[in-house]
Amino acid sequence: ARLDELRNRIDTGGSLMANTHVAAAIDYIR
């Protein structure tokens, strides 16, 4: 459930965060 929430936030983060860096940290593909 927490991983899903994190992935949702990465997917909807837009340009307000460096989501590629965050996605890479958890090995997630946006």
PDB file of all heavy atoms in Angstrom:
ATOM      1  N   ALA A   1       0.845  -1.201   0.000  1.00  0.00           N
ATOM      2  CA  ALA A   1       0.000   0.000   0.000  1.00  0.00           C
ATOM      3  C   ALA A   1       0.881   1.252   0.000  1.00  0.00           C
ATOM      4  O   ALA A   1       0.613   2.214  -0.730  1.00  0.00           O
ATOM      5  CB  ALA A   1      -0.931  -0.009   1.201  1.00  0.00           C
ATOM      6  N   ARG A   2       1.931   1.251   0.804  1.00  0.00           N
ATOM      7  CA  ARG A   2       2.825   2.411   0.850  1.00  0.00           C
ATOM      8  C   ARG A   2       3.598   2.563  -0.459  1.00  0.00           C
ATOM      9  O   ARG A   2       3.828   3.675  -0.931  1.00  0.00           O
ATOM     10  CB  ARG A   2       3.779   2.279   2.031  1.00  0.00           C
ATOM     11  CG  ARG A   2       3.054   2.461   3.346  1.00  0.00           C
ATOM     12  CD  ARG A   2       3.964   2.308   4.524  1.00  0.00           C
ATOM     13  NE  ARG A   2       3.217   2.504   5.770  1.00  0.00           N
ATOM     14  CZ  ARG A   2       3.644   2.113   6.940  1.00  0.00           C
ATOM     15  NH1 ARG A   2       4.820   1.523   7.077  1.00  0.00           N
ATOM     16  NH2 ARG A   2       2.903   2.328   8.008  1.00  0.00           N
ATOM     17  N   LEU A   3       4.009   1.449  -1.036  1.00  0.00           N
ATOM     18  CA  LEU A   3       4.712   1.500  -2.313  1.00  0.00           C
ATOM     19  C   LEU A   3       3.797   2.046  -3.404  1.00  0.00           C
ATOM     20  O   LEU A   3       4.220   2.857  -4.238  1.00  0.00           O
ATOM     21  CB  LEU A   3       5.237   0.117  -2.683  1.00  0.00           C
ATOM     22  CG  LEU A   3       6.056   0.016  -3.964  1.00  0.00           C
ATOM     23  CD1 LEU A   3       7.298   0.910  -3.895  1.00  0.00           C
ATOM     24  CD2 LEU A   3       6.459  -1.436  -4.209  1.00  0.00           C
ATOM     25  N   ASP A   4       2.534   1.616  -3.417  1.00  0.00           N
ATOM     26  CA  ASP A   4       1.572   2.152  -4.386  1.00  0.00           C
ATOM     27  C   ASP A   4       1.414   3.660  -4.235  1.00  0.00           C
ATOM     28  O   ASP A   4       1.363   4.394  -5.222  1.00  0.00           O
ATOM     29  CB  ASP A   4       0.206   1.478  -4.232  1.00  0.00           C
ATOM     30  CG  ASP A   4       0.118   0.157  -4.971  1.00  0.00           C
ATOM     31  OD1 ASP A   4       0.958  -0.075  -5.866  1.00  0.00           O
ATOM     32  OD2 ASP A   4      -0.783  -0.634  -4.653  1.00  0.00           O
ATOM     33  N   GLU A   5       1.326   4.122  -3.000  1.00  0.00           N
ATOM     34  CA  GLU A   5       1.185   5.562  -2.756  1.00  0.00           C
ATOM     35  C   GLU A   5       2.423   6.307  -3.257  1.00  0.00           C
ATOM     36  O   GLU A   5       2.312   7.362  -3.888  1.00  0.00           O
ATOM     37  CB  GLU A   5       0.963   5.834  -1.270  1.00  0.00           C
ATOM     38  CG  GLU A   5       0.813   7.303  -0.933  1.00  0.00           C
ATOM     39  CD  GLU A   5      -0.382   7.974  -1.595  1.00  0.00           C
ATOM     40  OE1 GLU A   5      -1.376   7.288  -1.928  1.00  0.00           O
ATOM     41  OE2 GLU A   5      -0.323   9.212  -1.785  1.00  0.00           O
ATOM     42  N   LEU A   6       3.598   5.782  -2.994  1.00  0.00           N
ATOM     43  CA  LEU A   6       4.822   6.416  -3.464  1.00  0.00           C
ATOM     44  C   LEU A   6       4.858   6.457  -4.990  1.00  0.00           C
ATOM     45  O   LEU A   6       5.181   7.482  -5.595  1.00  0.00           O
ATOM     46  CB  LEU A   6       6.046   5.673  -2.922  1.00  0.00           C
ATOM     47  CG  LEU A   6       7.413   6.186  -3.368  1.00  0.00           C
ATOM     48  CD1 LEU A   6       7.598   7.654  -2.995  1.00  0.00           C
ATOM     49  CD2 LEU A   6       8.508   5.324  -2.780  1.00  0.00           C
ATOM     50  N   ARG A   7       4.502   5.348  -5.624  1.00  0.00           N
ATOM     51  CA  ARG A   7       4.487   5.309  -7.087  1.00  0.00           C
ATOM     52  C   ARG A   7       3.452   6.281  -7.651  1.00  0.00           C
ATOM     53  O   ARG A   7       3.706   6.938  -8.669  1.00  0.00           O
ATOM     54  CB  ARG A   7       4.205   3.885  -7.568  1.00  0.00           C
ATOM     55  CG  ARG A   7       5.381   2.953  -7.335  1.00  0.00           C
ATOM     56  CD  ARG A   7       5.029   1.531  -7.676  1.00  0.00           C
ATOM     57  NE  ARG A   7       6.198   0.667  -7.654  1.00  0.00           N
ATOM     58  CZ  ARG A   7       6.144  -0.639  -7.823  1.00  0.00           C
ATOM     59  NH1 ARG A   7       4.988  -1.240  -8.036  1.00  0.00           N
ATOM     60  NH2 ARG A   7       7.249  -1.349  -7.784  1.00  0.00           N
ATOM     61  N   ASN A   8       2.281   6.386  -7.008  1.00  0.00           N
ATOM     62  CA  ASN A   8       1.277   7.355  -7.449  1.00  0.00           C
ATOM     63  C   ASN A   8       1.824   8.775  -7.383  1.00  0.00           C
ATOM     64  O   ASN A   8       1.607   9.586  -8.278  1.00  0.00           O
ATOM     65  CB  ASN A   8       0.014   7.258  -6.593  1.00  0.00           C
ATOM     66  CG  ASN A   8      -0.781   6.005  -6.870  1.00  0.00           C
ATOM     67  OD1 ASN A   8      -0.625   5.368  -7.908  1.00  0.00           O
ATOM     68  ND2 ASN A   8      -1.626   5.626  -5.932  1.00  0.00           N
ATOM     69  N   ARG A   9       2.526   9.083  -6.318  1.00  0.00           N
ATOM     70  CA  ARG A   9       3.084  10.435  -6.173  1.00  0.00           C
ATOM     71  C   ARG A   9       4.173  10.701  -7.199  1.00  0.00           C
ATOM     72  O   ARG A   9       4.306  11.814  -7.695  1.00  0.00           O
ATOM     73  CB  ARG A   9       3.592  10.638  -4.752  1.00  0.00           C
ATOM     74  CG  ARG A   9       2.434  10.758  -3.788  1.00  0.00           C
ATOM     75  CD  ARG A   9       2.899  10.951  -2.378  1.00  0.00           C
ATOM     76  NE  ARG A   9       1.758  10.886  -1.481  1.00  0.00           N
ATOM     77  CZ  ARG A   9       1.576  11.733  -0.487  1.00  0.00           C
ATOM     78  NH1 ARG A   9       2.439  12.676  -0.236  1.00  0.00           N
ATOM     79  NH2 ARG A   9       0.518  11.616   0.284  1.00  0.00           N
ATOM     80  N   ILE A  10       4.963   9.690  -7.527  1.00  0.00           N
ATOM     81  CA  ILE A  10       5.974   9.856  -8.573  1.00  0.00           C
ATOM     82  C   ILE A  10       5.291  10.091  -9.910  1.00  0.00           C
ATOM     83  O   ILE A  10       5.669  10.983 -10.673  1.00  0.00           O
ATOM     84  CB  ILE A  10       6.911   8.626  -8.638  1.00  0.00           C
ATOM     85  CG1 ILE A  10       7.822   8.595  -7.406  1.00  0.00           C
ATOM     86  CG2 ILE A  10       7.734   8.642  -9.922  1.00  0.00           C
ATOM     87  CD1 ILE A  10       8.619   7.314  -7.263  1.00  0.00           C
ATOM     88  N   ASP A  11       4.249   9.304 -10.210  1.00  0.00           N
ATOM     89  CA  ASP A  11       3.552   9.427 -11.491  1.00  0.00           C
ATOM     90  C   ASP A  11       2.860  10.778 -11.646  1.00  0.00           C
ATOM     91  O   ASP A  11       2.751  11.300 -12.747  1.00  0.00           O
ATOM     92  CB  ASP A  11       2.523   8.306 -11.656  1.00  0.00           C
ATOM     93  CG  ASP A  11       3.171   6.975 -12.021  1.00  0.00           C
ATOM     94  OD1 ASP A  11       4.330   6.985 -12.471  1.00  0.00           O
ATOM     95  OD2 ASP A  11       2.519   5.931 -11.850  1.00  0.00           O
ATOM     96  N   THR A  12       2.377  11.354 -10.552  1.00  0.00           N
ATOM     97  CA  THR A  12       1.631  12.616 -10.637  1.00  0.00           C
ATOM     98  C   THR A  12       2.443  13.813 -10.151  1.00  0.00           C
ATOM     99  O   THR A  12       1.916  14.908 -10.057  1.00  0.00           O
ATOM    100  CB  THR A  12       0.328  12.532  -9.816  1.00  0.00           C
ATOM    101  OG1 THR A  12       0.654  12.270  -8.449  1.00  0.00           O
ATOM    102  CG2 THR A  12      -0.593  11.459 -10.361  1.00  0.00           C
ATOM    103  N   GLY A  13       3.722  13.609  -9.875  1.00  0.00           N
ATOM    104  CA  GLY A  13       4.559  14.675  -9.330  1.00  0.00           C
ATOM    105  C   GLY A  13       4.817  15.823 -10.277  1.00  0.00           C
ATOM    106  O   GLY A  13       5.149  16.916  -9.853  1.00  0.00           O
ATOM    107  N   GLY A  14       4.677  15.595 -11.567  1.00  0.00           N
ATOM    108  CA  GLY A  14       4.924  16.656 -12.528  1.00  0.00           C
ATOM    109  C   GLY A  14       6.338  17.198 -12.424  1.00  0.00           C
ATOM    110  O   GLY A  14       7.276  16.487 -12.094  1.00  0.00           O
ATOM    111  N   SER A  15       6.485  18.476 -12.685  1.00  0.00           N
ATOM    112  CA  SER A  15       7.815  19.084 -12.670  1.00  0.00           C
ATOM    113  C   SER A  15       8.168  19.663 -11.305  1.00  0.00           C
ATOM    114  O   SER A  15       9.184  20.323 -11.155  1.00  0.00           O
ATOM    115  CB  SER A  15       7.882  20.190 -13.726  1.00  0.00           C
ATOM    116  OG  SER A  15       6.930  21.189 -13.430  1.00  0.00           O
ATOM    117  N   LEU A  16       7.332  19.451 -10.308  1.00  0.00           N
ATOM    118  CA  LEU A  16       7.594  20.009  -8.986  1.00  0.00           C
ATOM    119  C   LEU A  16       8.663  19.240  -8.227  1.00  0.00           C
ATOM    120  O   LEU A  16       9.150  19.699  -7.210  1.00  0.00           O
ATOM    121  CB  LEU A  16       6.303  20.047  -8.162  1.00  0.00           C
ATOM    122  CG  LEU A  16       5.222  20.960  -8.732  1.00  0.00           C
ATOM    123  CD1 LEU A  16       3.968  20.862  -7.878  1.00  0.00           C
ATOM    124  CD2 LEU A  16       5.715  22.389  -8.791  1.00  0.00           C
ATOM    125  N   MET A  17       9.012  18.066  -8.708  1.00  0.00           N
ATOM    126  CA  MET A  17      10.087  17.330  -8.064  1.00  0.00           C
ATOM    127  C   MET A  17      10.910  16.609  -9.119  1.00  0.00           C
ATOM    128  O   MET A  17      10.444  16.378 -10.223  1.00  0.00           O
ATOM    129  CB  MET A  17       9.534  16.317  -7.059  1.00  0.00           C
ATOM    130  CG  MET A  17       8.879  15.101  -7.647  1.00  0.00           C
ATOM    131  SD  MET A  17       8.456  13.949  -6.342  1.00  0.00           S
ATOM    132  CE  MET A  17       8.122  12.490  -7.274  1.00  0.00           C
ATOM    133  N   ALA A  18      12.118  16.299  -8.783  1.00  0.00           N
ATOM    134  CA  ALA A  18      12.981  15.551  -9.690  1.00  0.00           C
ATOM    135  C   ALA A  18      12.566  14.085  -9.606  1.00  0.00           C
ATOM    136  O   ALA A  18      13.209  13.278  -8.945  1.00  0.00           O
ATOM    137  CB  ALA A  18      14.437  15.740  -9.310  1.00  0.00           C
ATOM    138  N   ASN A  19      11.445  13.749 -10.248  1.00  0.00           N
ATOM    139  CA  ASN A  19      10.884  12.404 -10.083  1.00  0.00           C
ATOM    140  C   ASN A  19      11.759  11.312 -10.685  1.00  0.00           C
ATOM    141  O   ASN A  19      11.680  10.175 -10.274  1.00  0.00           O
ATOM    142  CB  ASN A  19       9.446  12.331 -10.590  1.00  0.00           C
ATOM    143  CG  ASN A  19       9.285  12.870 -11.973  1.00  0.00           C
ATOM    144  OD1 ASN A  19      10.206  12.806 -12.773  1.00  0.00           O
ATOM    145  ND2 ASN A  19       8.127  13.418 -12.268  1.00  0.00           N
ATOM    146  N   THR A  20      12.603  11.641 -11.643  1.00  0.00           N
ATOM    147  CA  THR A  20      13.499  10.620 -12.192  1.00  0.00           C
ATOM    148  C   THR A  20      14.488  10.164 -11.126  1.00  0.00           C
ATOM    149  O   THR A  20      14.774   8.979 -10.989  1.00  0.00           O
ATOM    150  CB  THR A  20      14.247  11.158 -13.421  1.00  0.00           C
ATOM    151  OG1 THR A  20      13.279  11.521 -14.405  1.00  0.00           O
ATOM    152  CG2 THR A  20      15.182  10.125 -14.007  1.00  0.00           C
ATOM    153  N   HIS A  21      14.983  11.109 -10.359  1.00  0.00           N
ATOM    154  CA  HIS A  21      15.917  10.763  -9.285  1.00  0.00           C
ATOM    155  C   HIS A  21      15.227   9.888  -8.235  1.00  0.00           C
ATOM    156  O   HIS A  21      15.769   8.881  -7.795  1.00  0.00           O
ATOM    157  CB  HIS A  21      16.461  12.041  -8.644  1.00  0.00           C
ATOM    158  CG  HIS A  21      17.377  11.794  -7.497  1.00  0.00           C
ATOM    159  ND1 HIS A  21      18.648  11.280  -7.652  1.00  0.00           N
ATOM    160  CD2 HIS A  21      17.205  11.953  -6.170  1.00  0.00           C
ATOM    161  CE1 HIS A  21      19.219  11.155  -6.478  1.00  0.00           C
ATOM    162  NE2 HIS A  21      18.365  11.553  -5.557  1.00  0.00           N
ATOM    163  N   VAL A  22      14.013  10.269  -7.850  1.00  0.00           N
ATOM    164  CA  VAL A  22      13.266   9.498  -6.848  1.00  0.00           C
ATOM    165  C   VAL A  22      12.918   8.121  -7.403  1.00  0.00           C
ATOM    166  O   VAL A  22      13.072   7.112  -6.717  1.00  0.00           O
ATOM    167  CB  VAL A  22      11.991  10.252  -6.419  1.00  0.00           C
ATOM    168  CG1 VAL A  22      11.155   9.416  -5.462  1.00  0.00           C
ATOM    169  CG2 VAL A  22      12.353  11.592  -5.791  1.00  0.00           C
ATOM    170  N   ALA A  23      12.456   8.062  -8.644  1.00  0.00           N
ATOM    171  CA  ALA A  23      12.103   6.781  -9.261  1.00  0.00           C
ATOM    172  C   ALA A  23      13.330   5.869  -9.341  1.00  0.00           C
ATOM    173  O   ALA A  23      13.236   4.670  -9.072  1.00  0.00           O
ATOM    174  CB  ALA A  23      11.510   7.014 -10.647  1.00  0.00           C
ATOM    175  N   ALA A  24      14.470   6.437  -9.697  1.00  0.00           N
ATOM    176  CA  ALA A  24      15.690   5.634  -9.781  1.00  0.00           C
ATOM    177  C   ALA A  24      16.075   5.085  -8.414  1.00  0.00           C
ATOM    178  O   ALA A  24      16.576   3.969  -8.308  1.00  0.00           O
ATOM    179  CB  ALA A  24      16.832   6.470 -10.353  1.00  0.00           C
ATOM    180  N   ALA A  25      15.822   5.848  -7.362  1.00  0.00           N
ATOM    181  CA  ALA A  25      16.195   5.426  -6.017  1.00  0.00           C
ATOM    182  C   ALA A  25      15.433   4.185  -5.579  1.00  0.00           C
ATOM    183  O   ALA A  25      15.941   3.394  -4.790  1.00  0.00           O
ATOM    184  CB  ALA A  25      15.965   6.563  -5.027  1.00  0.00           C
ATOM    185  N   ILE A  26      14.212   4.010  -6.088  1.00  0.00           N
ATOM    186  CA  ILE A  26      13.430   2.830  -5.714  1.00  0.00           C
ATOM    187  C   ILE A  26      13.254   1.869  -6.890  1.00  0.00           C
ATOM    188  O   ILE A  26      12.430   0.963  -6.852  1.00  0.00           O
ATOM    189  CB  ILE A  26      12.053   3.211  -5.133  1.00  0.00           C
ATOM    190  CG1 ILE A  26      11.178   3.922  -6.168  1.00  0.00           C
ATOM    191  CG2 ILE A  26      12.202   4.042  -3.881  1.00  0.00           C
ATOM    192  CD1 ILE A  26       9.723   4.014  -5.784  1.00  0.00           C
ATOM    193  N   ASP A  27      14.032   2.072  -7.952  1.00  0.00           N
ATOM    194  CA  ASP A  27      13.955   1.218  -9.149  1.00  0.00           C
ATOM    195  C   ASP A  27      12.544   1.139  -9.716  1.00  0.00           C
ATOM    196  O   ASP A  27      12.047   0.064 -10.045  1.00  0.00           O
ATOM    197  CB  ASP A  27      14.479  -0.195  -8.864  1.00  0.00           C
ATOM    198  CG  ASP A  27      15.982  -0.256  -8.854  1.00  0.00           C
ATOM    199  OD1 ASP A  27      16.612   0.664  -9.386  1.00  0.00           O
ATOM    200  OD2 ASP A  27      16.533  -1.232  -8.329  1.00  0.00           O
ATOM    201  N   TYR A  28      11.893   2.291  -9.836  1.00  0.00           N
ATOM    202  CA  TYR A  28      10.551   2.357 -10.411  1.00  0.00           C
ATOM    203  C   TYR A  28      10.629   3.073 -11.749  1.00  0.00           C
ATOM    204  O   TYR A  28      11.383   4.024 -11.916  1.00  0.00           O
ATOM    205  CB  TYR A  28       9.608   3.108  -9.459  1.00  0.00           C
ATOM    206  CG  TYR A  28       8.241   3.364 -10.049  1.00  0.00           C
ATOM    207  CD1 TYR A  28       7.416   2.304 -10.395  1.00  0.00           C
ATOM    208  CD2 TYR A  28       7.800   4.654 -10.290  1.00  0.00           C
ATOM    209  CE1 TYR A  28       6.170   2.528 -10.946  1.00  0.00           C
ATOM    210  CE2 TYR A  28       6.540   4.893 -10.835  1.00  0.00           C
ATOM    211  CZ  TYR A  28       5.743   3.830 -11.171  1.00  0.00           C
ATOM    212  OH  TYR A  28       4.510   4.050 -11.741  1.00  0.00           O
ATOM    213  N   ILE A  29       9.844   2.628 -12.709  1.00  0.00           N
ATOM    214  CA  ILE A  29       9.775   3.278 -14.020  1.00  0.00           C
ATOM    215  C   ILE A  29       8.496   4.089 -14.045  1.00  0.00           C
ATOM    216  O   ILE A  29       7.394   3.540 -13.991  1.00  0.00           O
ATOM    217  CB  ILE A  29       9.721   2.251 -15.181  1.00  0.00           C
ATOM    218  CG1 ILE A  29      10.798   1.180 -15.147  1.00  0.00           C
ATOM    219  CG2 ILE A  29       9.757   2.991 -16.511  1.00  0.00           C
ATOM    220  CD1 ILE A  29      12.135   1.454 -14.769  1.00  0.00           C
ATOM    221  N   ARG A  30       8.630   5.395 -14.112  1.00  0.00           N
ATOM    222  CA  ARG A  30       7.463   6.283 -14.109  1.00  0.00           C
ATOM    223  C   ARG A  30       6.519   5.911 -15.252  1.00  0.00           C
ATOM    224  O   ARG A  30       6.922   5.765 -16.388  1.00  0.00           O
ATOM    225  CB  ARG A  30       7.914   7.724 -14.259  1.00  0.00           C
ATOM    226  CG  ARG A  30       6.772   8.686 -14.156  1.00  0.00           C
ATOM    227  CD  ARG A  30       7.255  10.113 -14.107  1.00  0.00           C
ATOM    228  NE  ARG A  30       6.101  10.972 -13.888  1.00  0.00           N
ATOM    229  CZ  ARG A  30       5.968  12.156 -14.420  1.00  0.00           C
ATOM    230  NH1 ARG A  30       6.938  12.668 -15.138  1.00  0.00           N
ATOM    231  NH2 ARG A  30       4.890  12.853 -14.200  1.00  0.00           N
TER     232      ARG A  30
END
